[in-house]
C-alpha cells in the first residue's frame, strides 16, 4: 500500500491550501480515509475522516473551514483548507484503512503546511 501526499506549502493567515493524497495497492473504494496533523513538539492529531460511503467527520477546530472529499475514479482523497490560521501549521499525514473490516492504517509521508501570521 502506498500513499503519496502533496499540496502543502507556505500561506498567509486567512489563505487556503488543498492537499491531495493518492492511494495505490488497495481497493480504494472500500475503506475509510482521513488526515492527521502533527504540530512541532506535539502529538499527531486527527483532523478529518471520510468513510467509503462518503460520510465525513471533523474535529471541532477545523469545522467550517476544512472539507475532506474523495474521488474514487482517481484513488485520491483531498483536504481543502480555508481560513487558515497559524495554529494550523504542521505536517499533515493522510491515511487509509485497509478495508471495512480491517481498520489497519497505512500512512503517507506527510506534507508540510506553514501558516504565517
PDB file of N, CA and C in Angstrom:
ATOM      1  N   UNK A   1       0.861  -1.181   0.000  1.00  0.00           N
ATOM      2  CA  UNK A   1       0.000   0.000   0.000  1.00  0.00           C
ATOM      3  C   UNK A   1       0.898   1.231   0.000  1.00  0.00           C
ATOM      4  N   UNK A   2       0.604   2.150  -0.915  1.00  0.00           N
ATOM      5  CA  UNK A   2       1.378   3.392  -0.976  1.00  0.00           C
ATOM      6  C   UNK A   2       0.445   4.586  -1.004  1.00  0.00           C
ATOM      7  N   UNK A   3       0.814   5.623  -0.272  1.00  0.00           N
ATOM      8  CA  UNK A   3       0.075   6.869  -0.268  1.00  0.00           C
ATOM      9  C   UNK A   3       1.044   8.005  -0.564  1.00  0.00           C
ATOM     10  N   UNK A   4       0.674   8.844  -1.495  1.00  0.00           N
ATOM     11  CA  UNK A   4       1.508   9.964  -1.893  1.00  0.00           C
ATOM     12  C   UNK A   4       0.749  11.255  -1.656  1.00  0.00           C
ATOM     13  N   UNK A   5       1.212  12.013  -0.651  1.00  0.00           N
ATOM     14  CA  UNK A   5       0.555  13.270  -0.302  1.00  0.00           C
ATOM     15  C   UNK A   5       1.267  14.441  -0.957  1.00  0.00           C
ATOM     16  N   UNK A   6       0.489  15.463  -1.286  1.00  0.00           N
ATOM     17  CA  UNK A   6       1.059  16.661  -1.877  1.00  0.00           C
ATOM     18  C   UNK A   6       0.151  17.845  -1.589  1.00  0.00           C
ATOM     19  N   UNK A   7       0.637  19.038  -1.915  1.00  0.00           N
ATOM     20  CA  UNK A   7      -0.195  20.223  -1.798  1.00  0.00           C
ATOM     21  C   UNK A   7       0.142  21.150  -0.650  1.00  0.00           C
ATOM     22  N   UNK A   8       1.048  20.743   0.211  1.00  0.00           N
ATOM     23  CA  UNK A   8       1.427  21.612   1.306  1.00  0.00           C
ATOM     24  C   UNK A   8       2.219  22.811   0.820  1.00  0.00           C
ATOM     25  N   UNK A   9       2.466  23.739   1.741  1.00  0.00           N
ATOM     26  CA  UNK A   9       3.240  24.917   1.386  1.00  0.00           C
ATOM     27  C   UNK A   9       3.134  25.990   2.434  1.00  0.00           C
ATOM     28  N   UNK A  10       3.582  27.167   2.059  1.00  0.00           N
ATOM     29  CA  UNK A  10       3.557  28.340   2.942  1.00  0.00           C
ATOM     30  C   UNK A  10       2.434  29.261   2.487  1.00  0.00           C
ATOM     31  N   UNK A  11       1.601  29.669   3.435  1.00  0.00           N
ATOM     32  CA  UNK A  11       0.480  30.530   3.113  1.00  0.00           C
ATOM     33  C   UNK A  11       0.269  31.512   4.249  1.00  0.00           C
ATOM     34  N   UNK A  12      -0.263  32.663   3.928  1.00  0.00           N
ATOM     35  CA  UNK A  12      -0.572  33.643   4.967  1.00  0.00           C
ATOM     36  C   UNK A  12      -1.866  33.286   5.681  1.00  0.00           C
ATOM     37  N   UNK A  13      -1.998  33.750   6.891  1.00  0.00           N
ATOM     38  CA  UNK A  13      -3.232  33.537   7.643  1.00  0.00           C
ATOM     39  C   UNK A  13      -4.420  34.047   6.841  1.00  0.00           C
ATOM     40  N   UNK A  14      -5.483  33.249   6.832  1.00  0.00           N
ATOM     41  CA  UNK A  14      -6.657  33.580   6.049  1.00  0.00           C
ATOM     42  C   UNK A  14      -6.667  32.961   4.670  1.00  0.00           C
ATOM     43  N   UNK A  15      -5.534  32.408   4.268  1.00  0.00           N
ATOM     44  CA  UNK A  15      -5.423  31.812   2.949  1.00  0.00           C
ATOM     45  C   UNK A  15      -5.931  30.389   2.907  1.00  0.00           C
ATOM     46  N   UNK A  16      -5.728  29.762   1.742  1.00  0.00           N
ATOM     47  CA  UNK A  16      -6.237  28.411   1.504  1.00  0.00           C
ATOM     48  C   UNK A  16      -5.158  27.527   0.903  1.00  0.00           C
ATOM     49  N   UNK A  17      -5.290  26.246   1.164  1.00  0.00           N
ATOM     50  CA  UNK A  17      -4.486  25.208   0.528  1.00  0.00           C
ATOM     51  C   UNK A  17      -5.361  23.991   0.305  1.00  0.00           C
ATOM     52  N   UNK A  18      -5.020  23.208  -0.704  1.00  0.00           N
ATOM     53  CA  UNK A  18      -5.723  21.947  -0.932  1.00  0.00           C
ATOM     54  C   UNK A  18      -4.707  20.822  -0.982  1.00  0.00           C
ATOM     55  N   UNK A  19      -4.829  19.906  -0.050  1.00  0.00           N
ATOM     56  CA  UNK A  19      -3.953  18.749  -0.001  1.00  0.00           C
ATOM     57  C   UNK A  19      -4.573  17.596  -0.781  1.00  0.00           C
ATOM     58  N   UNK A  20      -3.705  16.814  -1.393  1.00  0.00           N
ATOM     59  CA  UNK A  20      -4.139  15.629  -2.122  1.00  0.00           C
ATOM     60  C   UNK A  20      -3.372  14.423  -1.622  1.00  0.00           C
ATOM     61  N   UNK A  21      -3.991  13.278  -1.706  1.00  0.00           N
ATOM     62  CA  UNK A  21      -3.338  12.039  -1.303  1.00  0.00           C
ATOM     63  C   UNK A  21      -3.819  10.929  -2.227  1.00  0.00           C
ATOM     64  N   UNK A  22      -2.909  10.427  -3.029  1.00  0.00           N
ATOM     65  CA  UNK A  22      -3.234   9.357  -3.968  1.00  0.00           C
ATOM     66  C   UNK A  22      -2.830   8.020  -3.366  1.00  0.00           C
ATOM     67  N   UNK A  23      -3.743   7.077  -3.438  1.00  0.00           N
ATOM     68  CA  UNK A  23      -3.569   5.780  -2.785  1.00  0.00           C
ATOM     69  C   UNK A  23      -3.453   4.688  -3.829  1.00  0.00           C
ATOM     70  N   UNK A  24      -2.542   3.771  -3.620  1.00  0.00           N
ATOM     71  CA  UNK A  24      -2.417   2.614  -4.503  1.00  0.00           C
ATOM     72  C   UNK A  24      -2.149   1.372  -3.667  1.00  0.00           C
ATOM     73  N   UNK A  25      -2.454   0.233  -4.255  1.00  0.00           N
ATOM     74  CA  UNK A  25      -2.158  -1.027  -3.586  1.00  0.00           C
ATOM     75  C   UNK A  25      -3.305  -1.632  -2.818  1.00  0.00           C
ATOM     76  N   UNK A  26      -4.424  -0.930  -2.748  1.00  0.00           N
ATOM     77  CA  UNK A  26      -5.618  -1.477  -2.118  1.00  0.00           C
ATOM     78  C   UNK A  26      -6.823  -1.092  -2.967  1.00  0.00           C
ATOM     79  N   UNK A  27      -7.965  -1.688  -2.644  1.00  0.00           N
ATOM     80  CA  UNK A  27      -9.197  -1.285  -3.309  1.00  0.00           C
ATOM     81  C   UNK A  27      -9.660   0.019  -2.664  1.00  0.00           C
ATOM     82  N   UNK A  28      -9.557   1.103  -3.410  1.00  0.00           N
ATOM     83  CA  UNK A  28      -9.731   2.437  -2.846  1.00  0.00           C
ATOM     84  C   UNK A  28     -11.106   2.654  -2.247  1.00  0.00           C
ATOM     85  N   UNK A  29     -12.127   2.069  -2.871  1.00  0.00           N
ATOM     86  CA  UNK A  29     -13.491   2.463  -2.545  1.00  0.00           C
ATOM     87  C   UNK A  29     -14.021   1.896  -1.235  1.00  0.00           C
ATOM     88  N   UNK A  30     -13.351   0.914  -0.652  1.00  0.00           N
ATOM     89  CA  UNK A  30     -13.993   0.171   0.433  1.00  0.00           C
ATOM     90  C   UNK A  30     -13.492   0.529   1.812  1.00  0.00           C
ATOM     91  N   UNK A  31     -12.796   1.617   1.964  1.00  0.00           N
ATOM     92  CA  UNK A  31     -12.215   1.890   3.272  1.00  0.00           C
ATOM     93  C   UNK A  31     -12.315   3.362   3.638  1.00  0.00           C
ATOM     94  N   UNK A  32     -12.242   3.605   4.933  1.00  0.00           N
ATOM     95  CA  UNK A  32     -12.206   4.967   5.453  1.00  0.00           C
ATOM     96  C   UNK A  32     -10.830   5.577   5.265  1.00  0.00           C
ATOM     97  N   UNK A  33     -10.842   6.836   4.949  1.00  0.00           N
ATOM     98  CA  UNK A  33      -9.588   7.575   4.794  1.00  0.00           C
ATOM     99  C   UNK A  33      -9.648   8.847   5.624  1.00  0.00           C
ATOM    100  N   UNK A  34      -8.500   9.459   5.831  1.00  0.00           N
ATOM    101  CA  UNK A  34      -8.514  10.672   6.609  1.00  0.00           C
ATOM    102  C   UNK A  34      -7.178  11.375   6.629  1.00  0.00           C
ATOM    103  N   UNK A  35      -7.189  12.435   7.404  1.00  0.00           N
ATOM    104  CA  UNK A  35      -5.997  13.261   7.567  1.00  0.00           C
ATOM    105  C   UNK A  35      -5.749  13.494   9.056  1.00  0.00           C
ATOM    106  N   UNK A  36      -4.479  13.402   9.425  1.00  0.00           N
ATOM    107  CA  UNK A  36      -3.995  13.797  10.735  1.00  0.00           C
ATOM    108  C   UNK A  36      -3.008  14.939  10.514  1.00  0.00           C
ATOM    109  N   UNK A  37      -2.695  15.612  11.594  1.00  0.00           N
ATOM    110  CA  UNK A  37      -1.620  16.592  11.509  1.00  0.00           C
ATOM    111  C   UNK A  37      -0.784  16.526  12.791  1.00  0.00           C
ATOM    112  N   UNK A  38       0.447  16.979  12.661  1.00  0.00           N
ATOM    113  CA  UNK A  38       1.363  16.999  13.787  1.00  0.00           C
ATOM    114  C   UNK A  38       2.084  18.329  13.816  1.00  0.00           C
ATOM    115  N   UNK A  39       1.783  19.108  14.840  1.00  0.00           N
ATOM    116  CA  UNK A  39       2.463  20.380  15.031  1.00  0.00           C
ATOM    117  C   UNK A  39       3.817  20.143  15.695  1.00  0.00           C
ATOM    118  N   UNK A  40       4.744  21.074  15.554  1.00  0.00           N
ATOM    119  CA  UNK A  40       6.066  20.910  16.173  1.00  0.00           C
ATOM    120  C   UNK A  40       5.956  20.662  17.676  1.00  0.00           C
ATOM    121  N   UNK A  41       6.578  19.589  18.129  1.00  0.00           N
ATOM    122  CA  UNK A  41       6.572  19.277  19.552  1.00  0.00           C
ATOM    123  C   UNK A  41       5.290  18.680  20.078  1.00  0.00           C
ATOM    124  N   UNK A  42       4.343  18.402  19.195  1.00  0.00           N
ATOM    125  CA  UNK A  42       3.052  17.878  19.616  1.00  0.00           C
ATOM    126  C   UNK A  42       2.834  16.477  19.053  1.00  0.00           C
ATOM    127  N   UNK A  43       1.814  15.817  19.607  1.00  0.00           N
ATOM    128  CA  UNK A  43       1.456  14.506  19.080  1.00  0.00           C
ATOM    129  C   UNK A  43       0.608  14.651  17.824  1.00  0.00           C
ATOM    130  N   UNK A  44       0.600  13.613  17.038  1.00  0.00           N
ATOM    131  CA  UNK A  44      -0.241  13.608  15.852  1.00  0.00           C
ATOM    132  C   UNK A  44      -1.705  13.607  16.278  1.00  0.00           C
ATOM    133  N   UNK A  45      -2.527  14.433  15.615  1.00  0.00           N
ATOM    134  CA  UNK A  45      -3.936  14.521  15.982  1.00  0.00           C
ATOM    135  C   UNK A  45      -4.818  14.409  14.755  1.00  0.00           C
ATOM    136  N   UNK A  46      -5.984  13.848  14.964  1.00  0.00           N
ATOM    137  CA  UNK A  46      -6.928  13.658  13.884  1.00  0.00           C
ATOM    138  C   UNK A  46      -7.497  14.990  13.427  1.00  0.00           C
ATOM    139  N   UNK A  47      -7.669  15.134  12.113  1.00  0.00           N
ATOM    140  CA  UNK A  47      -8.268  16.339  11.547  1.00  0.00           C
ATOM    141  C   UNK A  47      -9.633  16.023  10.946  1.00  0.00           C
ATOM    142  N   UNK A  48      -9.689  15.038  10.057  1.00  0.00           N
ATOM    143  CA  UNK A  48     -10.938  14.732   9.371  1.00  0.00           C
ATOM    144  C   UNK A  48     -10.893  13.316   8.828  1.00  0.00           C
ATOM    145  N   UNK A  49     -12.084  12.725   8.673  1.00  0.00           N
ATOM    146  CA  UNK A  49     -12.195  11.396   8.082  1.00  0.00           C
ATOM    147  C   UNK A  49     -13.338  11.366   7.079  1.00  0.00           C
ATOM    148  N   UNK A  50     -13.274  10.418   6.165  1.00  0.00           N
ATOM    149  CA  UNK A  50     -14.358  10.193   5.220  1.00  0.00           C
ATOM    150  C   UNK A  50     -14.488   8.691   5.021  1.00  0.00           C
ATOM    151  N   UNK A  51     -15.714   8.190   5.145  1.00  0.00           N
ATOM    152  CA  UNK A  51     -15.945   6.754   5.027  1.00  0.00           C
ATOM    153  C   UNK A  51     -16.101   6.359   3.565  1.00  0.00           C
ATOM    154  N   UNK A  52     -16.196   5.064   3.346  1.00  0.00           N
ATOM    155  CA  UNK A  52     -16.407   4.564   1.979  1.00  0.00           C
ATOM    156  C   UNK A  52     -17.737   5.054   1.428  1.00  0.00           C
ATOM    157  N   UNK A  53     -18.681   5.329   2.315  1.00  0.00           N
ATOM    158  CA  UNK A  53     -19.984   5.833   1.872  1.00  0.00           C
ATOM    159  C   UNK A  53     -20.040   7.338   1.738  1.00  0.00           C
ATOM    160  N   UNK A  54     -18.925   8.004   2.034  1.00  0.00           N
ATOM    161  CA  UNK A  54     -18.865   9.449   1.874  1.00  0.00           C
ATOM    162  C   UNK A  54     -19.224  10.243   3.110  1.00  0.00           C
ATOM    163  N   UNK A  55     -19.458   9.556   4.231  1.00  0.00           N
ATOM    164  CA  UNK A  55     -19.778  10.289   5.460  1.00  0.00           C
ATOM    165  C   UNK A  55     -18.508  10.916   6.015  1.00  0.00           C
ATOM    166  N   UNK A  56     -18.594  12.177   6.377  1.00  0.00           N
ATOM    167  CA  UNK A  56     -17.418  12.904   6.837  1.00  0.00           C
ATOM    168  C   UNK A  56     -17.513  13.238   8.322  1.00  0.00           C
ATOM    169  N   UNK A  57     -16.356  13.417   8.913  1.00  0.00           N
ATOM    170  CA  UNK A  57     -16.286  13.797  10.317  1.00  0.00           C
ATOM    171  C   UNK A  57     -15.096  14.719  10.500  1.00  0.00           C
ATOM    172  N   UNK A  58     -15.286  15.756  11.324  1.00  0.00           N
ATOM    173  CA  UNK A  58     -14.226  16.747  11.534  1.00  0.00           C
ATOM    174  C   UNK A  58     -14.034  16.993  13.025  1.00  0.00           C
ATOM    175  N   UNK A  59     -12.819  17.319  13.377  1.00  0.00           N
ATOM    176  CA  UNK A  59     -12.608  17.763  14.743  1.00  0.00           C
ATOM    177  C   UNK A  59     -13.066  19.209  14.851  1.00  0.00           C
ATOM    178  N   UNK A  60     -13.385  19.620  16.056  1.00  0.00           N
ATOM    179  CA  UNK A  60     -14.017  20.922  16.244  1.00  0.00           C
ATOM    180  C   UNK A  60     -13.185  22.079  15.700  1.00  0.00           C
ATOM    181  N   UNK A  61     -11.874  22.010  15.842  1.00  0.00           N
ATOM    182  CA  UNK A  61     -11.073  23.176  15.481  1.00  0.00           C
ATOM    183  C   UNK A  61     -10.938  23.394  13.979  1.00  0.00           C
ATOM    184  N   UNK A  62     -11.479  22.501  13.149  1.00  0.00           N
ATOM    185  CA  UNK A  62     -11.456  22.731  11.708  1.00  0.00           C
ATOM    186  C   UNK A  62     -12.853  22.796  11.100  1.00  0.00           C
ATOM    187  N   UNK A  63     -13.867  22.538  11.886  1.00  0.00           N
ATOM    188  CA  UNK A  63     -15.228  22.556  11.352  1.00  0.00           C
ATOM    189  C   UNK A  63     -15.556  23.907  10.751  1.00  0.00           C
ATOM    190  N   UNK A  64     -16.142  23.870   9.572  1.00  0.00           N
ATOM    191  CA  UNK A  64     -16.494  25.109   8.885  1.00  0.00           C
ATOM    192  C   UNK A  64     -15.362  25.705   8.073  1.00  0.00           C
ATOM    193  N   UNK A  65     -14.159  25.180   8.244  1.00  0.00           N
ATOM    194  CA  UNK A  65     -13.000  25.708   7.499  1.00  0.00           C
ATOM    195  C   UNK A  65     -12.402  24.667   6.557  1.00  0.00           C
ATOM    196  N   UNK A  66     -12.385  23.425   6.965  1.00  0.00           N
ATOM    197  CA  UNK A  66     -11.782  22.352   6.171  1.00  0.00           C
ATOM    198  C   UNK A  66     -12.869  21.454   5.591  1.00  0.00           C
ATOM    199  N   UNK A  67     -12.583  20.912   4.411  1.00  0.00           N
ATOM    200  CA  UNK A  67     -13.501  19.966   3.781  1.00  0.00           C
ATOM    201  C   UNK A  67     -12.709  18.777   3.253  1.00  0.00           C
ATOM    202  N   UNK A  68     -13.097  17.593   3.677  1.00  0.00           N
ATOM    203  CA  UNK A  68     -12.478  16.383   3.167  1.00  0.00           C
ATOM    204  C   UNK A  68     -13.371  15.795   2.083  1.00  0.00           C
ATOM    205  N   UNK A  69     -12.762  15.277   1.033  1.00  0.00           N
ATOM    206  CA  UNK A  69     -13.527  14.670  -0.052  1.00  0.00           C
ATOM    207  C   UNK A  69     -12.696  13.556  -0.678  1.00  0.00           C
ATOM    208  N   UNK A  70     -13.327  12.764  -1.511  1.00  0.00           N
ATOM    209  CA  UNK A  70     -12.610  11.682  -2.170  1.00  0.00           C
ATOM    210  C   UNK A  70     -13.093  11.558  -3.601  1.00  0.00           C
ATOM    211  N   UNK A  71     -12.183  11.187  -4.480  1.00  0.00           N
ATOM    212  CA  UNK A  71     -12.506  10.924  -5.881  1.00  0.00           C
ATOM    213  C   UNK A  71     -12.128   9.471  -6.131  1.00  0.00           C
ATOM    214  N   UNK A  72     -13.117   8.605  -6.154  1.00  0.00           N
ATOM    215  CA  UNK A  72     -12.844   7.177  -6.302  1.00  0.00           C
ATOM    216  C   UNK A  72     -12.246   6.848  -7.661  1.00  0.00           C
ATOM    217  N   UNK A  73     -12.576   7.624  -8.668  1.00  0.00           N
ATOM    218  CA  UNK A  73     -12.035   7.371 -10.003  1.00  0.00           C
ATOM    219  C   UNK A  73     -10.538   7.671 -10.062  1.00  0.00           C
ATOM    220  N   UNK A  74     -10.082   8.563  -9.189  1.00  0.00           N
ATOM    221  CA  UNK A  74      -8.667   8.942  -9.190  1.00  0.00           C
ATOM    222  C   UNK A  74      -7.915   8.356  -8.004  1.00  0.00           C
ATOM    223  N   UNK A  75      -8.601   7.548  -7.187  1.00  0.00           N
ATOM    224  CA  UNK A  75      -7.977   6.966  -5.989  1.00  0.00           C
ATOM    225  C   UNK A  75      -7.321   8.036  -5.120  1.00  0.00           C
ATOM    226  N   UNK A  76      -8.009   9.143  -4.979  1.00  0.00           N
ATOM    227  CA  UNK A  76      -7.426  10.291  -4.297  1.00  0.00           C
ATOM    228  C   UNK A  76      -8.384  10.847  -3.252  1.00  0.00           C
ATOM    229  N   UNK A  77      -7.829  11.214  -2.119  1.00  0.00           N
ATOM    230  CA  UNK A  77      -8.580  11.899  -1.076  1.00  0.00           C
ATOM    231  C   UNK A  77      -7.986  13.290  -0.929  1.00  0.00           C
ATOM    232  N   UNK A  78      -8.853  14.264  -0.687  1.00  0.00           N
ATOM    233  CA  UNK A  78      -8.444  15.659  -0.633  1.00  0.00           C
ATOM    234  C   UNK A  78      -8.757  16.267   0.735  1.00  0.00           C
ATOM    235  N   UNK A  79      -8.046  17.338   1.043  1.00  0.00           N
ATOM    236  CA  UNK A  79      -8.388  18.153   2.198  1.00  0.00           C
ATOM    237  C   UNK A  79      -8.286  19.618   1.766  1.00  0.00           C
ATOM    238  N   UNK A  80      -9.446  20.238   1.582  1.00  0.00           N
ATOM    239  CA  UNK A  80      -9.488  21.653   1.258  1.00  0.00           C
ATOM    240  C   UNK A  80      -9.464  22.436   2.569  1.00  0.00           C
ATOM    241  N   UNK A  81      -8.494  23.304   2.703  1.00  0.00           N
ATOM    242  CA  UNK A  81      -8.314  24.062   3.934  1.00  0.00           C
ATOM    243  C   UNK A  81      -8.467  25.547   3.639  1.00  0.00           C
ATOM    244  N   UNK A  82      -9.471  26.142   4.232  1.00  0.00           N
ATOM    245  CA  UNK A  82      -9.730  27.570   4.060  1.00  0.00           C
ATOM    246  C   UNK A  82      -9.582  28.304   5.387  1.00  0.00           C
ATOM    247  N   UNK A  83      -9.484  29.610   5.304  1.00  0.00           N
ATOM    248  CA  UNK A  83      -9.362  30.442   6.512  1.00  0.00           C
ATOM    249  C   UNK A  83      -8.274  29.904   7.441  1.00  0.00           C
ATOM    250  N   UNK A  84      -7.141  29.626   6.872  1.00  0.00           N
ATOM    251  CA  UNK A  84      -6.065  29.013   7.644  1.00  0.00           C
ATOM    252  C   UNK A  84      -5.548  29.947   8.729  1.00  0.00           C
ATOM    253  N   UNK A  85      -5.150  29.342   9.837  1.00  0.00           N
ATOM    254  CA  UNK A  85      -4.637  30.072  10.988  1.00  0.00           C
ATOM    255  C   UNK A  85      -3.211  29.601  11.287  1.00  0.00           C
ATOM    256  N   UNK A  86      -2.419  30.424  11.936  1.00  0.00           N
ATOM    257  CA  UNK A  86      -1.059  29.984  12.284  1.00  0.00           C
ATOM    258  C   UNK A  86      -1.038  28.679  13.071  1.00  0.00           C
ATOM    259  N   UNK A  87      -2.046  28.441  13.874  1.00  0.00           N
ATOM    260  CA  UNK A  87      -2.081  27.199  14.656  1.00  0.00           C
ATOM    261  C   UNK A  87      -2.399  25.969  13.801  1.00  0.00           C
ATOM    262  N   UNK A  88      -2.720  26.159  12.536  1.00  0.00           N
ATOM    263  CA  UNK A  88      -2.895  25.024  11.629  1.00  0.00           C
ATOM    264  C   UNK A  88      -1.557  24.515  11.098  1.00  0.00           C
ATOM    265  N   UNK A  89      -0.495  25.212  11.422  1.00  0.00           N
ATOM    266  CA  UNK A  89       0.833  24.811  10.959  1.00  0.00           C
ATOM    267  C   UNK A  89       1.198  23.428  11.472  1.00  0.00           C
ATOM    268  N   UNK A  90       1.768  22.625  10.584  1.00  0.00           N
ATOM    269  CA  UNK A  90       2.208  21.296  10.970  1.00  0.00           C
ATOM    270  C   UNK A  90       2.420  20.428   9.750  1.00  0.00           C
ATOM    271  N   UNK A  91       2.783  19.192  10.003  1.00  0.00           N
ATOM    272  CA  UNK A  91       2.890  18.204   8.936  1.00  0.00           C
ATOM    273  C   UNK A  91       1.574  17.446   8.873  1.00  0.00           C
ATOM    274  N   UNK A  92       1.001  17.393   7.699  1.00  0.00           N
ATOM    275  CA  UNK A  92      -0.291  16.736   7.501  1.00  0.00           C
ATOM    276  C   UNK A  92      -0.060  15.367   6.861  1.00  0.00           C
ATOM    277  N   UNK A  93      -0.647  14.367   7.486  1.00  0.00           N
ATOM    278  CA  UNK A  93      -0.498  12.985   7.042  1.00  0.00           C
ATOM    279  C   UNK A  93      -1.851  12.431   6.608  1.00  0.00           C
ATOM    280  N   UNK A  94      -1.885  11.843   5.432  1.00  0.00           N
ATOM    281  CA  UNK A  94      -3.091  11.127   5.035  1.00  0.00           C
ATOM    282  C   UNK A  94      -2.950   9.653   5.419  1.00  0.00           C
ATOM    283  N   UNK A  95      -4.073   9.020   5.573  1.00  0.00           N
ATOM    284  CA  UNK A  95      -4.046   7.592   5.852  1.00  0.00           C
ATOM    285  C   UNK A  95      -5.230   6.923   5.172  1.00  0.00           C
ATOM    286  N   UNK A  96      -5.121   5.623   5.020  1.00  0.00           N
ATOM    287  CA  UNK A  96      -6.247   4.819   4.591  1.00  0.00           C
ATOM    288  C   UNK A  96      -6.321   3.579   5.461  1.00  0.00           C
ATOM    289  N   UNK A  97      -7.518   3.189   5.805  1.00  0.00           N
ATOM    290  CA  UNK A  97      -7.694   1.884   6.420  1.00  0.00           C
ATOM    291  C   UNK A  97      -7.663   0.840   5.309  1.00  0.00           C
ATOM    292  N   UNK A  98      -7.375  -0.388   5.688  1.00  0.00           N
ATOM    293  CA  UNK A  98      -7.181  -1.393   4.668  1.00  0.00           C
ATOM    294  C   UNK A  98      -8.512  -1.817   4.031  1.00  0.00           C
ATOM    295  N   UNK A  99      -9.559  -1.919   4.817  1.00  0.00           N
ATOM    296  CA  UNK A  99     -10.853  -2.312   4.287  1.00  0.00           C
ATOM    297  C   UNK A  99     -11.913  -1.953   5.322  1.00  0.00           C
ATOM    298  N   UNK A 100     -13.184  -2.288   5.038  1.00  0.00           N
ATOM    299  CA  UNK A 100     -14.257  -2.042   6.001  1.00  0.00           C
ATOM    300  C   UNK A 100     -14.062  -2.897   7.250  1.00  0.00           C
ATOM    301  N   UNK A 101     -13.457  -4.052   7.082  1.00  0.00           N
ATOM    302  CA  UNK A 101     -13.263  -4.976   8.206  1.00  0.00           C
ATOM    303  C   UNK A 101     -11.903  -4.761   8.871  1.00  0.00           C
ATOM    304  N   UNK A 102     -10.886  -4.587   8.074  1.00  0.00           N
ATOM    305  CA  UNK A 102      -9.528  -4.427   8.588  1.00  0.00           C
ATOM    306  C   UNK A 102      -9.218  -2.948   8.702  1.00  0.00           C
ATOM    307  N   UNK A 103      -9.212  -2.421   9.922  1.00  0.00           N
ATOM    308  CA  UNK A 103      -9.013  -0.985  10.122  1.00  0.00           C
ATOM    309  C   UNK A 103      -7.547  -0.609  10.319  1.00  0.00           C
ATOM    310  N   UNK A 104      -6.647  -1.509   9.968  1.00  0.00           N
ATOM    311  CA  UNK A 104      -5.222  -1.177   9.992  1.00  0.00           C
ATOM    312  C   UNK A 104      -4.978   0.052   9.137  1.00  0.00           C
ATOM    313  N   UNK A 105      -4.247   1.014   9.688  1.00  0.00           N
ATOM    314  CA  UNK A 105      -3.963   2.256   8.962  1.00  0.00           C
ATOM    315  C   UNK A 105      -2.643   2.155   8.198  1.00  0.00           C
ATOM    316  N   UNK A 106      -2.694   2.665   6.990  1.00  0.00           N
ATOM    317  CA  UNK A 106      -1.491   2.855   6.193  1.00  0.00           C
ATOM    318  C   UNK A 106      -1.319   4.361   5.988  1.00  0.00           C
ATOM    319  N   UNK A 107      -0.084   4.832   6.077  1.00  0.00           N
ATOM    320  CA  UNK A 107       0.176   6.275   6.123  1.00  0.00           C
ATOM    321  C   UNK A 107       0.974   6.771   4.923  1.00  0.00           C
ATOM    322  N   UNK A 108       0.684   8.022   4.564  1.00  0.00           N
ATOM    323  CA  UNK A 108       1.510   8.716   3.601  1.00  0.00           C
ATOM    324  C   UNK A 108       2.703   9.348   4.295  1.00  0.00           C
ATOM    325  N   UNK A 109       3.532  10.015   3.507  1.00  0.00           N
ATOM    326  CA  UNK A 109       4.799  10.526   4.018  1.00  0.00           C
ATOM    327  C   UNK A 109       4.668  11.881   4.702  1.00  0.00           C
ATOM    328  N   UNK A 110       3.526  12.518   4.598  1.00  0.00           N
ATOM    329  CA  UNK A 110       3.361  13.820   5.228  1.00  0.00           C
ATOM    330  C   UNK A 110       3.710  14.953   4.296  1.00  0.00           C
ATOM    331  N   UNK A 111       2.972  16.044   4.442  1.00  0.00           N
ATOM    332  CA  UNK A 111       3.238  17.243   3.668  1.00  0.00           C
ATOM    333  C   UNK A 111       3.167  18.440   4.615  1.00  0.00           C
ATOM    334  N   UNK A 112       4.150  19.322   4.519  1.00  0.00           N
ATOM    335  CA  UNK A 112       4.273  20.432   5.457  1.00  0.00           C
ATOM    336  C   UNK A 112       3.341  21.571   5.075  1.00  0.00           C
ATOM    337  N   UNK A 113       2.604  22.052   6.063  1.00  0.00           N
ATOM    338  CA  UNK A 113       1.764  23.235   5.912  1.00  0.00           C
ATOM    339  C   UNK A 113       2.255  24.276   6.919  1.00  0.00           C
ATOM    340  N   UNK A 114       2.590  25.445   6.425  1.00  0.00           N
ATOM    341  CA  UNK A 114       3.045  26.528   7.289  1.00  0.00           C
ATOM    342  C   UNK A 114       2.177  27.746   7.041  1.00  0.00           C
ATOM    343  N   UNK A 115       1.554  28.243   8.104  1.00  0.00           N
ATOM    344  CA  UNK A 115       0.682  29.405   8.002  1.00  0.00           C
ATOM    345  C   UNK A 115       1.335  30.553   8.772  1.00  0.00           C
ATOM    346  N   UNK A 116       1.651  31.604   8.060  1.00  0.00           N
ATOM    347  CA  UNK A 116       2.297  32.759   8.687  1.00  0.00           C
ATOM    348  C   UNK A 116       1.254  33.773   9.130  1.00  0.00           C
ATOM    349  N   UNK A 117       1.581  34.479  10.195  1.00  0.00           N
ATOM    350  CA  UNK A 117       0.631  35.467  10.728  1.00  0.00           C
ATOM    351  C   UNK A 117       0.841  36.846  10.118  1.00  0.00           C
TER     352      UNK A 117
END
